[in-house]
Amino acid sequence: MGNKLLDETNSYKYLGVVVNWSMKDNNHVLDHIGTKATNLESYIRYTLAMHSDINRVNFGNSLWHSAALPTLHHCAGIWFNDSNASTVKLLSTQYKIGKAILKIKSKPARIATIGELGWLPITDELDIKRVAYYMHLKALADTRLVKKIFNALYDLYVLHTDTQFSHFKNIKKIFQSHGVDHMFSSNGQTASFKKFIMLNHPQSLQSEIQKLPSLQLYQTVKSDATCSSYLNSKAPFKSVQLKFKLRTGVLGLGSDLARQHRDTGICNHCGQYESPQHFVMYCRAYNAERQQMYRNMKDNLDDDKFSMFIQDPDLTFRQLLGDHDNVMNKLFLDFLNTAWSKRSEQS
């Protein structure tokens, strides 16, 4: 350019976005966001550790929405996770941050982890940002320079002109993947698209959960797509972790180990198959702890509710593992803490 020699490069960072020569997002997601994600995970672990696990999940949720998510979807309107590798990286990043908040080393299913926290998949969060930017550009006055460029590129797209600029193709894919193709050419509002995502999220969550055999129990106790309230219990955080692991099949019971082909699944205390229901409801090793829980529940629940609760073991089990009653939840968390401590000592 003039007398100046311009270097040629495969990628270039501009305003915080790594632009690849082929206009793909691999460099931005796999390298740039990958480094950011590692730093974010460490920052969240350190920050939460400084608060001694007090109100950990509520605080962690705030860090996710106010610090992590804005960093991860910086300028998402102009880049797309347009390869399987970059999509996997983004989902893995969200999963690791979720595990950091829950302080979990085991490997619960990703969908159950973000489901318990009440998060949208990060791919949906990014799609909302991209549609918002697309709608913003469409709403600009035609006299604006950026709108003139937008219109010129859109005309090329409509004429099927082959260009490296795949923005419109990727935006249309987003609408198609969510079943709202008509929004691509309409002058709708971002709020409509976001509302559609939010309304369909509970059904999408259940659909993903049902695909995994390891989450058969979880799909019966996860009642909605919001953050499970027991995670913000004032009980010791260790007992909250135990309930999370029990609900998601990673507590380490015999049935969990048998599913992973690491054990026969037999209870060391009574010779029966150690399923979650066996551990919570029947194993004689925890009779004293279980009876204490029932006595406390009788003192705190009205007689009719307690009678109905105690007469149906299946209902009792679902209620205990569910997320319905603060009193019941607190007493069950106390039982879990003492029973699991006893099991660990006797193993």
Protein backbone atom coordinates (compact mmCIF):
# COMPACT_ATOMS: atom_id res chain seq x y z
CA MET A 1 0.00 0.00 0.00
CA GLY A 2 1.94 2.97 -1.28
CA ASN A 3 5.53 2.32 -0.24
CA LYS A 4 4.50 0.19 2.76
CA LEU A 5 4.76 -3.59 2.65
CA LEU A 6 1.74 -5.31 4.22
CA ASP A 7 2.36 -8.61 5.97
CA GLU A 8 0.14 -11.55 5.15
CA THR A 9 -1.11 -13.60 8.09
CA ASN A 10 -3.49 -16.50 8.67
CA SER A 11 -5.29 -14.72 11.50
CA TYR A 12 -5.49 -11.25 13.01
CA LYS A 13 -6.99 -9.96 16.26
CA TYR A 14 -9.16 -6.88 15.82
CA LEU A 15 -11.14 -5.33 18.70
CA GLY A 16 -10.85 -8.52 20.72
CA VAL A 17 -11.91 -10.89 17.93
CA VAL A 18 -9.47 -13.21 16.16
CA VAL A 19 -10.37 -13.09 12.45
CA ASN A 20 -9.25 -16.11 10.43
CA TRP A 21 -8.24 -15.76 6.77
CA SER A 22 -11.09 -18.15 5.85
CA MET A 23 -13.60 -16.26 8.06
CA LYS A 24 -14.02 -19.33 10.28
CA ASP A 25 -14.09 -18.99 14.06
CA ASN A 26 -11.73 -21.83 15.03
CA ASN A 27 -8.85 -19.57 16.03
CA HIS A 28 -11.10 -17.27 18.05
CA VAL A 29 -12.86 -20.06 19.97
CA LEU A 30 -10.20 -22.74 20.33
CA ASP A 31 -7.27 -20.44 21.10
CA HIS A 32 -8.47 -17.02 22.25
CA ILE A 33 -11.65 -18.04 24.11
CA GLY A 34 -9.95 -21.22 25.32
CA THR A 35 -7.33 -19.14 27.16
CA LYS A 36 -10.00 -16.82 28.55
CA ALA A 37 -12.05 -19.79 29.75
CA THR A 38 -9.14 -21.24 31.72
CA ASN A 39 -8.55 -17.88 33.39
CA LEU A 40 -12.27 -17.46 34.15
CA GLU A 41 -12.50 -20.90 35.73
CA SER A 42 -9.52 -20.15 37.97
CA TYR A 43 -10.93 -16.73 38.88
CA ILE A 44 -14.31 -18.21 39.86
CA ARG A 45 -12.72 -20.99 41.93
CA TYR A 46 -10.51 -18.49 43.75
CA THR A 47 -13.30 -15.96 44.35
CA LEU A 48 -15.72 -18.56 45.71
CA ALA A 49 -13.03 -20.13 47.91
CA MET A 50 -12.46 -16.72 49.51
CA HIS A 51 -16.08 -16.79 50.74
CA SER A 52 -15.84 -20.15 52.53
CA ASP A 53 -18.68 -21.76 50.50
CA ILE A 54 -21.29 -19.45 52.08
CA ASN A 55 -24.17 -18.98 49.61
CA ARG A 56 -21.78 -20.48 47.05
CA VAL A 57 -24.20 -21.34 44.23
CA ASN A 58 -26.08 -18.04 44.35
CA PHE A 59 -22.77 -16.14 44.28
CA GLY A 60 -21.42 -18.43 41.57
CA ASN A 61 -24.51 -17.84 39.44
CA SER A 62 -23.91 -14.10 39.74
CA LEU A 63 -20.29 -14.54 38.62
CA TRP A 64 -21.42 -16.63 35.64
CA HIS A 65 -23.93 -14.07 34.41
CA SER A 66 -21.99 -10.90 35.24
CA ALA A 67 -18.38 -11.92 34.52
CA ALA A 68 -17.99 -15.22 32.66
CA LEU A 69 -20.84 -15.06 30.14
CA PRO A 70 -20.17 -11.48 28.92
CA THR A 71 -16.50 -12.38 28.42
CA LEU A 72 -17.30 -15.55 26.47
CA HIS A 73 -19.84 -13.97 24.14
CA HIS A 74 -17.82 -10.80 23.47
CA CYS A 75 -18.68 -9.69 19.91
CA ALA A 76 -20.62 -12.92 19.31
CA GLY A 77 -22.68 -11.07 16.70
CA ILE A 78 -19.82 -11.36 14.22
CA TRP A 79 -18.39 -14.82 14.94
CA PHE A 80 -20.05 -18.23 14.94
CA ASN A 81 -19.24 -21.62 16.43
CA ASP A 82 -19.31 -22.94 12.87
CA SER A 83 -17.33 -26.12 13.50
CA ASN A 84 -18.00 -29.07 15.76
CA ALA A 85 -14.70 -28.50 17.58
CA SER A 86 -15.57 -24.91 18.52
CA THR A 87 -19.08 -25.88 19.66
CA VAL A 88 -17.67 -28.65 21.86
CA LYS A 89 -15.13 -26.19 23.29
CA LEU A 90 -17.84 -23.68 24.24
CA LEU A 91 -20.08 -26.32 25.85
CA SER A 92 -17.09 -27.79 27.68
CA THR A 93 -16.15 -24.34 29.00
CA GLN A 94 -19.64 -23.79 30.43
CA TYR A 95 -19.57 -27.28 31.97
CA LYS A 96 -16.21 -26.72 33.66
CA ILE A 97 -17.34 -23.40 35.13
CA GLY A 98 -20.53 -25.06 36.38
CA LYS A 99 -18.49 -27.78 38.06
CA ALA A 100 -16.21 -25.14 39.58
CA ILE A 101 -19.22 -23.40 41.13
CA LEU A 102 -20.56 -26.69 42.48
CA LYS A 103 -17.06 -27.70 43.60
CA ILE A 104 -17.44 -31.11 41.94
CA LYS A 105 -14.53 -33.31 40.80
CA SER A 106 -16.64 -36.20 39.53
CA LYS A 107 -18.16 -36.18 36.05
CA PRO A 108 -21.92 -35.64 36.14
CA ALA A 109 -23.65 -35.28 32.78
CA ARG A 110 -23.17 -31.81 31.31
CA ILE A 111 -26.88 -31.30 30.69
CA ALA A 112 -27.70 -32.19 34.32
CA THR A 113 -25.02 -29.82 35.62
CA ILE A 114 -26.29 -26.78 33.75
CA GLY A 115 -29.87 -27.97 34.34
CA GLU A 116 -29.41 -27.89 38.11
CA LEU A 117 -27.93 -24.40 37.88
CA GLY A 118 -30.81 -23.23 35.69
CA TRP A 119 -28.57 -22.11 32.83
CA LEU A 120 -29.37 -21.95 29.14
CA PRO A 121 -26.80 -23.86 27.07
CA ILE A 122 -24.11 -21.37 26.05
CA THR A 123 -24.91 -22.11 22.39
CA ASP A 124 -28.41 -20.68 22.97
CA GLU A 125 -26.98 -17.67 24.83
CA LEU A 126 -24.72 -16.98 21.85
CA ASP A 127 -27.57 -17.38 19.36
CA ILE A 128 -29.60 -14.78 21.27
CA LYS A 129 -26.67 -12.33 21.03
CA ARG A 130 -26.21 -13.00 17.31
CA VAL A 131 -29.87 -12.51 16.51
CA ALA A 132 -29.86 -9.30 18.58
CA TYR A 133 -26.99 -7.90 16.49
CA TYR A 134 -28.60 -9.02 13.23
CA MET A 135 -31.88 -7.34 14.19
CA HIS A 136 -29.96 -4.21 15.23
CA LEU A 137 -28.32 -3.96 11.81
CA LYS A 138 -31.62 -4.51 10.01
CA ALA A 139 -33.20 -1.67 12.01
CA LEU A 140 -30.53 0.89 11.09
CA ALA A 141 -31.38 3.71 8.71
CA ASP A 142 -30.43 2.95 5.10
CA THR A 143 -28.35 6.13 5.02
CA ARG A 144 -25.85 4.71 7.53
CA LEU A 145 -22.61 3.47 5.94
CA VAL A 146 -22.68 0.18 7.85
CA LYS A 147 -26.28 -0.40 6.68
CA LYS A 148 -25.28 0.25 3.07
CA ILE A 149 -22.57 -2.41 3.38
CA PHE A 150 -25.04 -4.74 5.13
CA ASN A 151 -27.58 -4.30 2.30
CA ALA A 152 -24.96 -4.79 -0.43
CA LEU A 153 -23.72 -8.04 1.17
CA TYR A 154 -27.31 -9.21 1.70
CA ASP A 155 -28.06 -8.63 -2.00
CA LEU A 156 -25.05 -10.79 -2.91
CA TYR A 157 -26.32 -13.49 -0.55
CA VAL A 158 -29.81 -13.42 -2.12
CA LEU A 159 -28.23 -13.69 -5.61
CA HIS A 160 -26.22 -16.72 -4.40
CA THR A 161 -22.99 -14.92 -5.17
CA ASP A 162 -20.06 -16.92 -3.80
CA THR A 163 -18.22 -14.84 -1.20
CA GLN A 164 -16.18 -15.56 1.93
CA PHE A 165 -18.72 -13.58 3.95
CA SER A 166 -21.00 -16.24 5.45
CA HIS A 167 -22.79 -14.08 8.03
CA PHE A 168 -26.25 -14.35 6.48
CA LYS A 169 -25.94 -18.08 5.90
CA ASN A 170 -24.98 -18.61 9.55
CA ILE A 171 -27.76 -16.38 10.85
CA LYS A 172 -30.31 -18.26 8.76
CA LYS A 173 -29.00 -21.55 10.18
CA ILE A 174 -29.67 -20.23 13.69
CA PHE A 175 -33.30 -19.46 12.88
CA GLN A 176 -33.69 -22.83 11.11
CA SER A 177 -32.17 -24.78 14.02
CA HIS A 178 -34.75 -23.26 16.38
CA GLY A 179 -37.64 -23.75 13.96
CA VAL A 180 -38.34 -20.05 13.37
CA ASP A 181 -37.17 -19.65 9.76
CA HIS A 182 -39.64 -16.81 9.13
CA MET A 183 -37.76 -14.50 11.52
CA PHE A 184 -34.79 -14.31 9.14
CA SER A 185 -36.56 -12.06 6.64
CA SER A 186 -38.98 -10.39 9.04
CA ASN A 187 -38.45 -7.17 10.96
CA GLY A 188 -39.17 -8.82 14.30
CA GLN A 189 -37.63 -7.94 17.62
CA THR A 190 -34.88 -9.73 19.50
CA ALA A 191 -37.25 -10.10 22.44
CA SER A 192 -39.45 -12.40 20.34
CA PHE A 193 -36.57 -14.74 19.56
CA LYS A 194 -35.34 -14.76 23.18
CA LYS A 195 -38.87 -15.41 24.45
CA PHE A 196 -39.16 -18.34 22.03
CA ILE A 197 -35.87 -19.81 23.31
CA MET A 198 -36.92 -19.42 26.96
CA LEU A 199 -40.36 -20.95 26.38
CA ASN A 200 -38.87 -24.00 24.64
CA HIS A 201 -35.94 -24.47 27.00
CA PRO A 202 -37.75 -26.70 29.58
CA GLN A 203 -38.86 -29.10 26.83
CA SER A 204 -35.40 -29.10 25.23
CA LEU A 205 -33.82 -29.77 28.64
CA GLN A 206 -36.08 -32.77 29.31
CA SER A 207 -35.45 -34.08 25.80
CA GLU A 208 -31.66 -33.99 26.35
CA ILE A 209 -31.96 -35.58 29.79
CA GLN A 210 -34.07 -38.45 28.44
CA LYS A 211 -31.32 -39.38 25.98
CA LEU A 212 -28.96 -40.43 28.79
CA PRO A 213 -29.58 -43.74 30.64
CA SER A 214 -27.50 -42.46 33.57
CA LEU A 215 -30.13 -39.74 34.18
CA GLN A 216 -33.20 -41.98 34.54
CA LEU A 217 -33.56 -40.95 38.18
CA TYR A 218 -32.77 -37.31 37.47
CA GLN A 219 -35.56 -36.91 34.92
CA THR A 220 -38.09 -37.96 37.57
CA VAL A 221 -36.92 -35.39 40.15
CA LYS A 222 -35.99 -32.38 38.01
CA SER A 223 -39.30 -30.54 37.95
CA ASP A 224 -38.44 -27.44 35.88
CA ALA A 225 -35.63 -25.60 34.09
CA THR A 226 -34.85 -23.10 36.87
CA CYS A 227 -31.99 -23.30 39.36
CA SER A 228 -32.83 -26.05 41.86
CA SER A 229 -33.59 -24.31 45.14
CA TYR A 230 -31.81 -26.86 47.36
CA LEU A 231 -28.52 -25.60 45.89
CA ASN A 232 -29.04 -22.37 47.84
CA SER A 233 -29.92 -24.11 51.09
CA LYS A 234 -28.41 -22.76 54.31
CA ALA A 235 -27.34 -26.31 55.18
CA PRO A 236 -23.60 -27.13 55.02
CA PHE A 237 -22.48 -27.02 51.40
CA LYS A 238 -21.12 -30.57 51.69
CA SER A 239 -24.68 -31.89 52.09
CA VAL A 240 -25.82 -29.79 49.10
CA GLN A 241 -23.06 -31.40 47.02
CA LEU A 242 -24.18 -34.86 48.18
CA LYS A 243 -27.75 -34.24 47.02
CA PHE A 244 -26.51 -32.94 43.67
CA LYS A 245 -24.38 -36.08 43.22
CA LEU A 246 -27.25 -38.35 44.30
CA ARG A 247 -29.70 -36.72 41.87
CA THR A 248 -27.25 -36.83 38.95
CA GLY A 249 -25.89 -40.36 39.53
CA VAL A 250 -22.30 -39.62 40.57
CA LEU A 251 -22.47 -40.06 44.36
CA GLY A 252 -20.48 -43.28 44.20
CA LEU A 253 -23.17 -45.75 45.27
CA GLY A 254 -22.96 -49.36 44.13
CA SER A 255 -25.36 -48.69 41.26
CA ASP A 256 -23.21 -45.76 40.08
CA LEU A 257 -20.09 -47.94 40.09
CA ALA A 258 -21.91 -50.85 38.40
CA ARG A 259 -23.07 -48.54 35.60
CA GLN A 260 -19.42 -47.58 35.09
CA HIS A 261 -18.40 -51.30 35.13
CA ARG A 262 -16.29 -50.72 38.25
CA ASP A 263 -18.25 -52.83 40.75
CA THR A 264 -21.07 -55.36 41.14
CA GLY A 265 -23.29 -52.78 42.81
CA ILE A 266 -23.91 -54.82 45.96
CA CYS A 267 -24.28 -52.96 49.27
CA ASN A 268 -21.44 -53.82 51.66
CA HIS A 269 -23.77 -53.62 54.69
CA CYS A 270 -26.74 -55.80 53.74
CA GLY A 271 -25.94 -57.62 50.48
CA GLN A 272 -28.73 -55.92 48.51
CA TYR A 273 -28.25 -53.92 45.32
CA GLU A 274 -27.19 -50.43 46.40
CA SER A 275 -29.45 -48.20 44.35
CA PRO A 276 -30.20 -44.62 45.40
CA GLN A 277 -33.60 -45.77 46.72
CA HIS A 278 -31.95 -48.56 48.72
CA PHE A 279 -29.47 -46.13 50.30
CA VAL A 280 -32.08 -43.51 51.17
CA MET A 281 -35.06 -45.71 52.12
CA TYR A 282 -34.08 -49.23 53.10
CA CYS A 283 -30.48 -50.00 54.05
CA ARG A 284 -30.47 -51.00 57.73
CA ALA A 285 -27.05 -49.44 58.24
CA TYR A 286 -28.71 -46.00 58.33
CA ASN A 287 -31.88 -46.88 60.25
CA ALA A 288 -31.03 -44.61 63.18
CA GLU A 289 -30.35 -41.61 60.93
CA ARG A 290 -33.47 -42.32 58.86
CA GLN A 291 -35.74 -42.62 61.91
CA GLN A 292 -34.37 -39.36 63.27
CA MET A 293 -35.21 -37.68 59.96
CA TYR A 294 -38.77 -39.06 60.08
CA ARG A 295 -39.25 -37.91 63.69
CA ASN A 296 -38.11 -34.41 62.76
CA MET A 297 -40.44 -34.39 59.75
CA LYS A 298 -43.39 -35.45 61.91
CA ASP A 299 -42.66 -32.52 64.20
CA ASN A 300 -42.50 -30.07 61.29
CA LEU A 301 -45.26 -31.30 58.93
CA ASP A 302 -49.01 -31.44 59.53
CA ASP A 303 -50.41 -34.90 60.31
CA ASP A 304 -52.21 -35.47 57.00
CA LYS A 305 -49.20 -34.55 54.92
CA PHE A 306 -46.87 -36.68 57.03
CA SER A 307 -49.23 -39.70 56.89
CA MET A 308 -49.46 -39.52 53.10
CA PHE A 309 -45.71 -39.04 52.90
CA ILE A 310 -44.77 -41.98 55.10
CA GLN A 311 -47.23 -44.54 53.63
CA ASP A 312 -45.89 -44.52 50.07
CA PRO A 313 -42.13 -45.28 49.84
CA ASP A 314 -41.94 -44.29 46.16
CA LEU A 315 -43.59 -40.94 46.88
CA THR A 316 -41.36 -40.44 49.91
CA PHE A 317 -38.25 -41.11 47.83
CA ARG A 318 -39.28 -38.72 45.04
CA GLN A 319 -40.18 -36.01 47.54
CA LEU A 320 -36.86 -36.34 49.35
CA LEU A 321 -34.83 -36.15 46.14
CA GLY A 322 -37.09 -33.49 44.66
CA ASP A 323 -37.05 -29.76 45.16
CA HIS A 324 -40.46 -29.04 46.62
CA ASP A 325 -40.38 -28.27 50.34
CA ASN A 326 -37.83 -26.24 52.30
CA VAL A 327 -38.43 -28.05 55.61
CA MET A 328 -38.28 -31.49 54.04
CA ASN A 329 -35.23 -30.53 52.04
CA LYS A 330 -33.32 -29.28 55.09
CA LEU A 331 -34.04 -32.46 57.05
CA PHE A 332 -33.10 -34.68 54.11
CA LEU A 333 -29.80 -32.80 53.67
CA ASP A 334 -29.04 -33.44 57.35
CA PHE A 335 -29.78 -37.16 56.85
CA LEU A 336 -27.58 -37.31 53.75
CA ASN A 337 -24.68 -35.70 55.56
CA THR A 338 -24.77 -38.07 58.54
CA ALA A 339 -25.60 -41.22 56.55
CA TRP A 340 -22.88 -40.62 53.96
CA SER A 341 -20.30 -39.84 56.66
CA LYS A 342 -21.23 -43.14 58.33
CA ARG A 343 -20.99 -45.03 55.04
CA SER A 344 -17.55 -43.50 54.35
CA GLU A 345 -16.27 -44.47 57.80
CA GLN A 346 -17.50 -48.05 57.46
CA SER A 347 -16.19 -48.58 53.92
